[in-house]
Protein backbone atom coordinates (compact mmCIF):
# COMPACT_ATOMS: atom_id res chain seq x y z
CA MET A 1 119.20 121.93 66.83
CA MET A 2 117.64 121.19 63.47
CA ALA A 3 117.74 124.89 62.61
CA ALA A 4 121.50 125.02 63.33
CA SER A 5 122.04 122.05 61.03
CA ALA A 6 119.93 123.63 58.29
CA ILE A 7 121.77 126.95 58.56
CA GLY A 8 125.10 125.10 58.52
CA VAL A 9 124.16 123.20 55.36
CA PHE A 10 122.87 126.41 53.76
CA THR A 11 126.09 128.27 54.60
CA LEU A 12 128.31 125.41 53.47
CA ALA A 13 126.47 124.81 50.21
CA LEU A 14 125.45 128.29 49.09
CA VAL A 15 127.69 130.87 50.71
CA VAL A 16 131.19 129.44 51.18
CA PRO A 17 131.84 128.59 47.49
CA PHE A 18 131.00 132.14 46.37
CA VAL A 19 133.06 134.24 48.79
CA GLU A 20 136.80 134.96 48.71
CA GLY A 21 139.47 135.77 51.27
CA PRO A 22 138.74 136.29 54.98
CA ALA A 23 134.97 136.06 54.47
CA ARG A 24 135.38 132.51 53.20
CA TRP A 25 137.21 131.54 56.41
CA PHE A 26 134.57 133.30 58.49
CA PHE A 27 131.73 131.40 56.84
CA ALA A 28 133.67 128.12 57.01
CA MET A 29 134.19 128.62 60.77
CA LEU A 30 130.52 129.57 61.16
CA THR A 31 129.52 126.36 59.39
CA ILE A 32 131.80 124.25 61.57
CA ALA A 33 130.46 125.96 64.71
CA LEU A 34 126.85 125.32 63.68
CA PHE A 35 127.53 121.65 62.97
CA ALA A 36 129.41 121.32 66.27
CA GLY A 37 126.44 122.91 68.09
CA ALA A 38 124.03 120.47 66.46
CA ILE A 39 126.27 117.50 67.35
CA TRP A 40 126.57 118.80 70.93
CA GLU A 41 122.77 119.00 71.22
CA PHE A 42 122.34 115.45 69.97
CA GLY A 43 125.13 114.19 72.20
CA SER A 44 123.88 115.88 75.36
CA VAL A 45 120.42 114.29 75.26
CA PRO A 46 121.38 111.24 77.40
CA PHE A 47 123.02 113.53 79.97
CA ARG A 48 119.91 115.73 80.17
CA LYS A 49 117.67 112.65 80.43
CA ARG A 50 119.75 111.43 83.36
CA LEU A 51 119.49 114.83 85.06
CA VAL A 52 115.71 114.83 84.68
CA ARG A 53 115.48 111.23 85.95
CA ASP A 54 117.68 112.04 88.97
CA HIS A 55 115.59 115.12 89.74
CA GLY A 56 112.43 113.00 89.56
CA ASP A 57 113.99 110.44 91.91
CA ARG A 58 114.85 113.18 94.41
CA LEU A 59 111.31 114.59 94.25
CA ARG A 60 109.84 111.10 94.68
CA HIS A 61 112.06 110.48 97.72
CA GLU A 62 110.99 113.82 99.25
CA ALA A 63 107.33 112.95 98.64
CA VAL A 64 107.72 109.56 100.30
CA THR A 65 109.45 111.18 103.28
CA THR A 66 106.70 113.79 103.59
CA MET A 67 103.95 111.18 103.37
CA ASP A 68 105.71 108.99 105.98
CA LYS A 69 105.94 111.96 108.34
CA ALA A 70 102.27 112.83 107.77
CA LEU A 71 101.19 109.23 108.45
CA ARG A 72 103.19 109.15 111.68
CA GLU A 73 101.56 112.41 112.80
CA TYR A 74 98.13 110.98 111.86
CA GLU A 75 98.79 107.86 113.94
CA CYS A 76 99.79 110.02 116.93
CA LEU A 77 96.63 112.10 116.49
CA LEU A 78 94.44 108.99 116.40
CA GLU A 79 96.18 107.60 119.47
CA ASP A 80 95.56 110.86 121.35
CA TRP A 81 91.94 110.84 120.17
CA ARG A 82 91.43 107.27 121.38
CA ASP A 83 92.95 108.15 124.75
CA ALA A 84 90.65 111.16 124.99
CA ALA A 85 87.63 109.06 123.97
CA GLU A 86 88.40 106.62 126.78
CA GLN A 87 88.40 109.53 129.24
CA LEU A 88 85.13 110.94 127.84
CA ASP A 89 82.92 108.83 130.11
CA LEU A 90 84.83 109.98 133.19
CA LEU A 91 84.64 113.62 132.04
CA THR A 92 80.91 113.32 131.36
CA ARG A 93 80.25 111.89 134.83
CA TRP A 94 82.36 114.65 136.39
CA GLY A 95 80.41 117.30 134.47
CA GLU A 96 77.05 115.82 135.49
CA SER A 97 77.98 115.84 139.17
CA HIS A 98 78.85 119.53 139.02
CA GLU A 99 75.65 120.50 137.18
CA ARG A 100 73.44 119.18 139.98
CA ALA A 101 75.24 121.07 142.68
């Protein structure tokens, strides 16, 4: 961006005044194109910032969704574990009665 502006200024100031004919038009068009490119880069910064912000928002939403799903699975796992822990005493008594036989 800054390099395009510097090359445009260099071309405009040092080259265009010293050439004649079609080359002058070529260098004038090159200078205009370089300045237009630099202006485009400066002008597109807000658009690119919005794209990056929107992408970050999408990633944040996906992360929240993933964490919510993981927490729900964790709660189900704990509920199953608690149910199994309540049955542990019954299972232990059943196992002890079969060991004696």
